[in-house]
Amino acid sequence: MLRLRTLQIGECHAPAWAAGLPGLRGTTFPALATLIETDSACVLVDTGYGPAFFTATRGFPARFYRWLTPVHLPRSRHLPDQLPRLPDLIFLTHMHADHSAGLIDLPKNIPVIASAEAIADLRARGDLSSLGAACPPRLRDAILTRNPQPLERGPQIATGLEEFPLGHDLLGDKRLIAIPLPGHGTGQTGIWIPEIARFLIADAAFGRRSLRENRLPPGVVLSRLGDAARYRQTFARLRALLQRRPDITVDPSHCPEVAG
């Protein structure tokens, strides 16, 4: 048994051009999380926005984050109200607030996993640096109280994907494989689900359309949120994978097509 459910945990408003899409007007980007249920475990991949985001951006200078990318989170979109059950494990693809703030709404006894690189980077950042990395200090501190553990504790295995040959076995049964997707943020990692040919790619692309049409965000945006050169490399590998394996469905974390 394997069931996958996409949840929209709020949304933000930002210029279309910032995601490599045509037009100068603003557009809405959903903040998506994915609940995966298998025979052995229920895994929540990312947590979207949450009240912790608004708490963390109440004062200055963090409030500029809220002004630059206005967030809408109606009560019906809060994470706990959308979960059919509590997960056994929470996996954060990276530490940006739109992927991690909803974590604070969930019980503290649920284990949290992320890449070792993402965890170490979050712990090392001072307040201004953390805000610049899209995780305001109060949210950073709240995440670290959950004591996230490195996914690399799981065994490294072959993925069966030429473009992304190695990953870490998240549950020990080779059904969910965590694959590094460098370039956006620090330590960004996606989840490959071989039996349904589904690849949760976080922010390695901002939408399926971006990959289809080879639309990269502008360099200033890529550099602001990570490593532009590594982002371009990961993006190119994803496009090559989809051209070779058209049966694979990719789920970017802010894609309106995925949100439905």
Protein backbone atom coordinates (compact mmCIF):
# COMPACT_ATOMS: atom_id res chain seq x y z
CA MET A 1 0.00 0.00 0.00
CA LEU A 2 1.20 3.47 -0.87
CA ARG A 3 -0.99 6.57 -0.78
CA LEU A 4 0.08 10.10 -1.59
CA ARG A 5 -1.87 13.21 -0.69
CA THR A 6 -0.90 16.79 -1.61
CA LEU A 7 -1.79 19.49 0.91
CA GLN A 8 -1.73 23.25 0.34
CA ILE A 9 -0.57 24.99 3.51
CA GLY A 10 -1.01 28.63 2.56
CA GLU A 11 0.37 30.59 -0.37
CA CYS A 12 2.51 33.61 -1.11
CA HIS A 13 2.35 36.37 -3.71
CA ALA A 14 5.46 37.20 -5.73
CA PRO A 15 6.43 38.49 -9.21
CA ALA A 16 6.05 35.87 -11.95
CA TRP A 17 9.44 36.80 -13.40
CA ALA A 18 11.14 35.75 -10.15
CA ALA A 19 10.18 32.14 -10.93
CA GLY A 20 11.19 32.42 -14.58
CA LEU A 21 7.59 32.77 -15.76
CA PRO A 22 6.50 35.34 -18.37
CA GLY A 23 4.94 38.63 -17.34
CA LEU A 24 5.67 41.40 -14.88
CA ARG A 25 2.59 41.05 -12.72
CA GLY A 26 2.49 39.22 -9.44
CA THR A 27 1.26 35.65 -9.16
CA THR A 28 0.32 33.25 -6.41
CA PHE A 29 2.55 30.36 -5.41
CA PRO A 30 1.00 27.60 -3.26
CA ALA A 31 3.05 26.20 -0.39
CA LEU A 32 2.65 22.44 -0.76
CA ALA A 33 3.30 19.56 1.60
CA THR A 34 2.93 15.88 0.77
CA LEU A 35 1.63 13.13 3.03
CA ILE A 36 2.86 9.67 2.04
CA GLU A 37 1.36 6.59 3.68
CA THR A 38 2.97 3.18 3.26
CA ASP A 39 2.47 -0.12 5.03
CA SER A 40 5.17 0.75 7.52
CA ALA A 41 4.95 4.51 8.09
CA CYS A 42 3.22 7.81 7.42
CA VAL A 43 5.69 10.47 6.25
CA LEU A 44 5.00 14.18 5.88
CA VAL A 45 7.29 15.89 3.37
CA ASP A 46 7.51 19.61 4.25
CA THR A 47 5.00 21.54 6.31
CA GLY A 48 4.20 24.76 4.41
CA TYR A 49 3.40 27.95 6.27
CA GLY A 50 1.96 28.22 9.76
CA PRO A 51 1.23 30.76 12.49
CA ALA A 52 4.91 30.50 13.45
CA PHE A 53 5.76 32.35 10.23
CA PHE A 54 3.71 35.36 11.27
CA THR A 55 5.13 35.27 14.80
CA ALA A 56 8.66 35.11 13.44
CA THR A 57 8.11 38.05 11.05
CA ARG A 58 6.19 40.32 13.42
CA GLY A 59 9.09 42.62 14.26
CA PHE A 60 11.86 44.25 12.26
CA PRO A 61 13.93 43.43 10.29
CA ALA A 62 12.13 40.09 9.80
CA ARG A 63 8.92 41.89 8.86
CA PHE A 64 10.49 42.83 5.51
CA TYR A 65 10.29 39.14 4.58
CA ARG A 66 6.51 39.24 5.05
CA TRP A 67 6.26 42.44 3.02
CA LEU A 68 8.39 41.18 0.11
CA THR A 69 6.40 37.95 -0.25
CA PRO A 70 2.94 38.50 1.25
CA VAL A 71 1.54 35.28 2.71
CA HIS A 72 -2.09 34.19 2.87
CA LEU A 73 -2.97 31.39 5.29
CA PRO A 74 -6.70 31.00 5.93
CA ARG A 75 -7.70 28.97 8.97
CA SER A 76 -8.97 26.14 6.75
CA ARG A 77 -5.46 25.75 5.32
CA HIS A 78 -3.65 25.24 8.62
CA LEU A 79 -1.67 22.02 8.54
CA PRO A 80 -3.25 20.16 11.50
CA ASP A 81 -6.74 20.71 10.08
CA GLN A 82 -5.78 19.04 6.79
CA LEU A 83 -4.02 15.95 8.11
CA PRO A 84 -6.14 12.78 8.17
CA ARG A 85 -3.71 11.44 10.75
CA LEU A 86 -0.51 12.55 12.43
CA PRO A 87 2.65 11.50 10.60
CA ASP A 88 5.20 9.14 12.09
CA LEU A 89 8.01 11.14 10.53
CA ILE A 90 8.47 14.67 9.17
CA PHE A 91 10.95 15.24 6.37
CA LEU A 92 12.03 18.81 5.56
CA THR A 93 13.42 19.22 2.06
CA HIS A 94 15.14 22.44 3.20
CA MET A 95 14.74 25.05 5.90
CA HIS A 96 13.04 27.97 4.14
CA ALA A 97 10.04 29.24 6.09
CA ASP A 98 7.51 28.24 3.43
CA HIS A 99 8.60 24.63 3.89
CA SER A 100 9.19 24.55 7.64
CA ALA A 101 6.91 26.96 9.53
CA GLY A 102 3.99 24.51 9.74
CA LEU A 103 6.24 22.14 11.69
CA ILE A 104 5.62 24.18 14.84
CA ASP A 105 1.90 23.30 14.71
CA LEU A 106 2.63 19.59 15.13
CA PRO A 107 3.46 17.60 18.29
CA LYS A 108 7.05 17.80 19.43
CA ASN A 109 7.42 14.03 19.73
CA ILE A 110 7.27 13.44 15.96
CA PRO A 111 10.81 12.85 14.63
CA VAL A 112 12.11 15.42 12.15
CA ILE A 113 14.65 14.58 9.46
CA ALA A 114 16.56 16.77 6.99
CA SER A 115 19.92 16.66 5.29
CA ALA A 116 22.96 17.03 7.53
CA GLU A 117 24.02 20.02 5.45
CA ALA A 118 20.69 21.81 5.98
CA ILE A 119 20.74 21.16 9.74
CA ALA A 120 24.36 22.26 10.20
CA ASP A 121 23.78 25.40 8.14
CA LEU A 122 20.74 26.38 10.20
CA ARG A 123 22.63 25.89 13.47
CA ALA A 124 25.57 27.96 12.27
CA ARG A 125 23.65 31.05 11.13
CA GLY A 126 23.34 34.21 13.16
CA ASP A 127 20.14 36.21 13.19
CA LEU A 128 20.68 38.37 10.09
CA SER A 129 22.20 35.48 8.16
CA SER A 130 19.26 33.25 9.05
CA LEU A 131 16.78 35.89 7.91
CA GLY A 132 18.73 36.28 4.67
CA ALA A 133 18.44 32.52 4.19
CA ALA A 134 14.61 32.76 4.38
CA CYS A 135 14.33 31.33 7.89
CA PRO A 136 13.76 34.16 10.40
CA PRO A 137 15.60 33.75 13.72
CA ARG A 138 12.54 32.94 15.84
CA LEU A 139 11.54 30.22 13.40
CA ARG A 140 15.12 28.94 13.22
CA ASP A 141 15.19 28.56 16.98
CA ALA A 142 11.81 26.83 17.06
CA ILE A 143 12.93 24.33 14.42
CA LEU A 144 16.14 23.57 16.27
CA THR A 145 14.21 22.80 19.47
CA ARG A 146 12.75 19.85 17.53
CA ASN A 147 16.28 18.41 17.28
CA PRO A 148 16.17 17.49 13.56
CA GLN A 149 18.24 14.45 12.68
CA PRO A 150 20.35 13.89 9.54
CA LEU A 151 18.83 11.70 6.86
CA GLU A 152 22.31 10.38 6.13
CA ARG A 153 21.90 8.00 9.07
CA GLY A 154 19.93 5.84 6.65
CA PRO A 155 21.80 3.67 4.14
CA GLN A 156 22.89 5.08 0.80
CA ILE A 157 21.42 3.15 -2.11
CA ALA A 158 21.18 3.24 -5.88
CA THR A 159 18.11 5.10 -7.13
CA GLY A 160 17.81 3.60 -10.61
CA LEU A 161 17.98 7.13 -12.08
CA GLU A 162 21.01 7.86 -14.27
CA GLU A 163 20.85 11.58 -13.60
CA PHE A 164 20.59 11.15 -9.81
CA PRO A 165 22.23 7.78 -9.15
CA LEU A 166 22.50 7.79 -5.34
CA GLY A 167 20.19 8.60 -2.48
CA HIS A 168 19.37 7.60 1.10
CA ASP A 169 16.76 5.02 2.00
CA LEU A 170 14.37 6.95 4.21
CA LEU A 171 12.37 4.05 5.69
CA GLY A 172 14.73 1.12 5.12
CA ASP A 173 12.51 -0.52 2.49
CA LYS A 174 13.69 1.38 -0.64
CA ARG A 175 10.23 2.87 -1.19
CA LEU A 176 11.14 6.48 -0.36
CA ILE A 177 14.60 7.63 -1.45
CA ALA A 178 15.98 11.03 -0.44
CA ILE A 179 18.03 12.56 -3.26
CA PRO A 180 20.18 15.71 -3.02
CA LEU A 181 18.98 18.55 -5.27
CA PRO A 182 21.59 21.25 -4.71
CA GLY A 183 21.31 24.88 -5.69
CA HIS A 184 18.25 26.26 -3.91
CA GLY A 185 18.84 26.90 -0.25
CA THR A 186 21.34 24.77 1.61
CA GLY A 187 21.10 20.99 1.64
CA GLN A 188 17.90 20.82 -0.43
CA THR A 189 16.76 17.22 -0.87
CA GLY A 190 13.90 15.68 -2.83
CA ILE A 191 12.04 12.40 -2.44
CA TRP A 192 11.97 9.79 -5.21
CA ILE A 193 9.15 7.22 -5.04
CA PRO A 194 10.11 4.47 -7.52
CA GLU A 195 6.96 2.34 -7.43
CA ILE A 196 4.75 5.19 -8.64
CA ALA A 197 7.46 7.05 -10.62
CA ARG A 198 6.89 10.25 -8.62
CA PHE A 199 9.65 12.70 -7.74
CA LEU A 200 9.04 15.42 -5.13
CA ILE A 201 11.62 17.99 -6.22
CA ALA A 202 11.05 20.79 -3.66
CA ASP A 203 12.20 24.09 -5.22
CA ALA A 204 14.59 22.62 -7.80
CA ALA A 205 12.01 24.08 -10.20
CA PHE A 206 9.15 26.42 -9.36
CA GLY A 207 6.68 24.54 -11.53
CA ARG A 208 6.23 21.78 -14.05
CA ARG A 209 5.83 24.43 -16.70
CA SER A 210 9.26 25.81 -15.89
CA LEU A 211 10.81 22.42 -16.65
CA ARG A 212 8.74 21.83 -19.79
CA GLU A 213 9.63 25.23 -21.22
CA ASN A 214 13.18 25.41 -19.83
CA ARG A 215 12.37 28.58 -17.87
CA LEU A 216 14.91 29.28 -15.16
CA PRO A 217 14.51 32.04 -12.59
CA PRO A 218 16.82 35.00 -13.21
CA GLY A 219 20.34 34.79 -11.89
CA VAL A 220 19.77 37.44 -9.23
CA VAL A 221 17.03 35.28 -7.69
CA LEU A 222 19.07 32.08 -7.91
CA SER A 223 22.04 33.74 -6.22
CA ARG A 224 19.86 35.29 -3.54
CA LEU A 225 18.38 31.93 -2.52
CA GLY A 226 21.36 29.67 -3.03
CA ASP A 227 24.04 28.73 -5.54
CA ALA A 228 23.04 29.76 -9.08
CA ALA A 229 25.50 27.47 -10.86
CA ARG A 230 24.44 24.39 -8.89
CA TYR A 231 20.76 25.28 -9.38
CA ARG A 232 21.26 25.38 -13.14
CA GLN A 233 23.03 22.02 -13.04
CA THR A 234 20.25 20.39 -11.03
CA PHE A 235 17.60 21.93 -13.28
CA ALA A 236 19.37 20.60 -16.38
CA ARG A 237 19.60 17.11 -14.85
CA LEU A 238 15.88 17.17 -14.09
CA ARG A 239 15.08 18.15 -17.68
CA ALA A 240 17.32 15.36 -18.97
CA LEU A 241 15.60 12.88 -16.66
CA LEU A 242 12.13 13.88 -17.85
CA GLN A 243 13.15 13.69 -21.50
CA ARG A 244 14.53 10.20 -20.97
CA ARG A 245 11.74 9.07 -18.62
CA PRO A 246 8.48 10.79 -19.65
CA ASP A 247 6.60 8.40 -17.35
CA ILE A 248 7.97 10.21 -14.29
CA THR A 249 5.80 12.86 -12.64
CA VAL A 250 7.60 15.65 -10.82
CA ASP A 251 6.03 17.62 -7.98
CA PRO A 252 7.62 21.04 -7.42
CA SER A 253 6.63 22.52 -4.08
CA HIS A 254 5.02 25.68 -5.48
CA CYS A 255 3.43 24.39 -8.66
CA PRO A 256 -0.25 25.30 -9.32
CA GLU A 257 -0.59 22.13 -11.41
CA VAL A 258 0.34 19.99 -8.43
CA ALA A 259 -1.97 21.95 -6.14
CA GLY A 260 -4.84 21.28 -8.56
